[in-house]
């Protein structure tokens, strides 16, 4: 990992190492990257769908893509199978459900903000 992150932010490197240890290494384990197939990556990502948010899944997928790209640069693999796939949608939470619609426009955001402010004021009484 250190070869591909020269000059990188130490916090980013630390976070990426944790992600690699928790999620990427269990996929790869002792297997060789040159033997990794797109089906393997799909199955792995699908297995993380219920455990991680969409954003976290994108991050994990991105780190795997990066690792394979580093192996390509060193002629250890020919094809980046992770780069050929789309990240699936992860889980939402009750507090932050997975979005299915479009974001609020300015008018709706302002109305929502006013309603929340009114509700907070009522609760103060």
Protein backbone atom coordinates (compact mmCIF):
# COMPACT_ATOMS: atom_id res chain seq x y z
CA UNK A 1 0.00 0.00 0.00
CA UNK A 2 2.81 2.38 0.82
CA UNK A 3 4.15 2.40 -2.75
CA UNK A 4 0.94 3.76 -4.20
CA UNK A 5 0.28 6.37 -1.50
CA UNK A 6 3.51 8.33 -1.58
CA UNK A 7 2.93 11.79 -0.15
CA UNK A 8 -0.61 10.89 0.90
CA UNK A 9 -2.37 12.24 3.97
CA UNK A 10 -1.49 10.10 7.01
CA UNK A 11 -5.14 9.94 8.15
CA UNK A 12 -6.21 8.71 4.71
CA UNK A 13 -3.48 6.08 4.72
CA UNK A 14 -4.53 4.94 8.21
CA UNK A 15 -8.22 4.74 7.21
CA UNK A 16 -7.41 2.87 4.01
CA UNK A 17 -5.27 0.36 5.91
CA UNK A 18 -8.19 -0.33 8.27
CA UNK A 19 -10.55 -0.83 5.32
CA UNK A 20 -8.06 -3.16 3.64
CA UNK A 21 -7.62 -5.24 6.80
CA UNK A 22 -11.37 -5.41 7.56
CA UNK A 23 -12.86 -5.86 4.11
CA UNK A 24 -10.36 -6.34 1.28
CA UNK A 25 -8.01 -8.92 2.80
CA UNK A 26 -10.85 -11.31 3.69
CA UNK A 27 -11.77 -11.28 -0.03
CA UNK A 28 -8.27 -11.71 -1.34
CA UNK A 29 -6.75 -13.63 1.57
CA UNK A 30 -3.99 -15.80 0.23
CA UNK A 31 -5.44 -15.83 -3.28
CA UNK A 32 -3.43 -14.21 -6.02
CA UNK A 33 -4.86 -11.09 -7.62
CA UNK A 34 -4.25 -12.57 -11.06
CA UNK A 35 -6.77 -15.31 -10.18
CA UNK A 36 -9.44 -12.86 -8.98
CA UNK A 37 -12.51 -12.89 -11.20
CA UNK A 38 -15.27 -10.31 -11.64
CA UNK A 39 -17.73 -12.86 -10.23
CA UNK A 40 -15.63 -13.07 -7.05
CA UNK A 41 -15.71 -9.29 -6.62
CA UNK A 42 -19.46 -9.14 -7.34
CA UNK A 43 -20.14 -11.82 -4.75
CA UNK A 44 -17.90 -10.02 -2.24
CA UNK A 45 -19.59 -6.63 -2.79
CA UNK A 46 -23.04 -8.24 -2.59
CA UNK A 47 -22.03 -9.79 0.73
CA UNK A 48 -21.19 -6.33 2.10
CA UNK A 49 -24.45 -4.69 0.96
CA UNK A 50 -26.26 -5.34 4.24
CA UNK A 51 -23.26 -4.36 6.35
CA UNK A 52 -22.09 -1.09 4.79
CA UNK A 53 -23.66 2.12 3.56
CA UNK A 54 -23.49 2.89 -0.15
CA UNK A 55 -20.71 5.42 0.47
CA UNK A 56 -18.66 2.91 2.48
CA UNK A 57 -19.19 0.26 -0.21
CA UNK A 58 -17.95 2.73 -2.82
CA UNK A 59 -14.87 3.37 -0.70
CA UNK A 60 -14.11 -0.34 -0.25
CA UNK A 61 -14.63 -0.99 -3.96
CA UNK A 62 -12.42 1.97 -4.82
CA UNK A 63 -9.60 0.70 -2.61
CA UNK A 64 -9.77 -2.73 -4.26
CA UNK A 65 -9.65 -1.06 -7.70
CA UNK A 66 -6.65 0.97 -6.56
CA UNK A 67 -4.85 -2.13 -5.24
CA UNK A 68 -5.37 -3.96 -8.52
CA UNK A 69 -4.22 -0.87 -10.46
CA UNK A 70 -1.00 -0.93 -8.40
CA UNK A 71 -0.55 -4.60 -9.29
CA UNK A 72 -1.14 -3.75 -12.97
CA UNK A 73 1.56 -1.09 -12.81
CA UNK A 74 3.96 -3.79 -11.62
CA UNK A 75 2.85 -6.29 -14.32
CA UNK A 76 1.34 -8.67 -11.77
CA UNK A 77 -2.16 -8.64 -13.32
CA UNK A 78 -3.39 -7.84 -16.81
CA UNK A 79 -6.94 -6.71 -16.10
CA UNK A 80 -8.54 -4.73 -13.27
CA UNK A 81 -11.66 -6.83 -12.74
CA UNK A 82 -12.90 -4.52 -9.96
CA UNK A 83 -12.88 -1.59 -12.39
CA UNK A 84 -15.31 -3.41 -14.67
CA UNK A 85 -18.06 -3.57 -12.05
CA UNK A 86 -20.59 -1.17 -10.59
CA UNK A 87 -20.79 -0.74 -6.83
CA UNK A 88 -24.14 -1.99 -5.50
CA UNK A 89 -26.31 0.14 -3.25
CA UNK A 90 -25.58 -0.41 0.43
CA UNK A 91 -27.87 -0.35 3.40
CA UNK A 92 -29.57 2.69 4.77
CA UNK A 93 -30.42 3.25 8.40
CA UNK A 94 -33.62 4.38 10.06
CA UNK A 95 -31.97 7.73 10.70
CA UNK A 96 -30.40 8.01 7.23
CA UNK A 97 -32.35 5.80 4.82
CA UNK A 98 -30.89 4.98 1.45
CA UNK A 99 -31.99 7.72 -0.91
CA UNK A 100 -34.19 6.77 -3.80
CA UNK A 101 -35.36 10.22 -4.90
CA UNK A 102 -33.66 13.40 -5.89
CA UNK A 103 -32.28 15.93 -3.42
CA UNK A 104 -34.41 18.80 -2.15
CA UNK A 105 -34.53 21.91 -4.25
CA UNK A 106 -33.89 25.26 -2.52
CA UNK A 107 -37.58 25.99 -1.91
CA UNK A 108 -38.27 22.61 -0.31
CA UNK A 109 -35.12 22.88 1.80
CA UNK A 110 -36.20 26.30 3.10
CA UNK A 111 -39.73 25.06 3.88
CA UNK A 112 -38.31 22.02 5.70
CA UNK A 113 -35.96 24.23 7.68
CA UNK A 114 -38.80 26.55 8.74
CA UNK A 115 -40.95 23.59 9.79
CA UNK A 116 -38.13 22.14 11.89
CA UNK A 117 -37.51 25.53 13.51
CA UNK A 118 -41.23 25.92 14.32
CA UNK A 119 -41.34 22.45 15.79
CA UNK A 120 -38.28 23.17 17.93
CA UNK A 121 -39.86 26.37 19.24
CA UNK A 122 -43.08 24.56 20.14
CA UNK A 123 -41.07 22.00 22.08
CA UNK A 124 -39.41 24.78 24.12
CA UNK A 125 -42.71 25.84 25.73
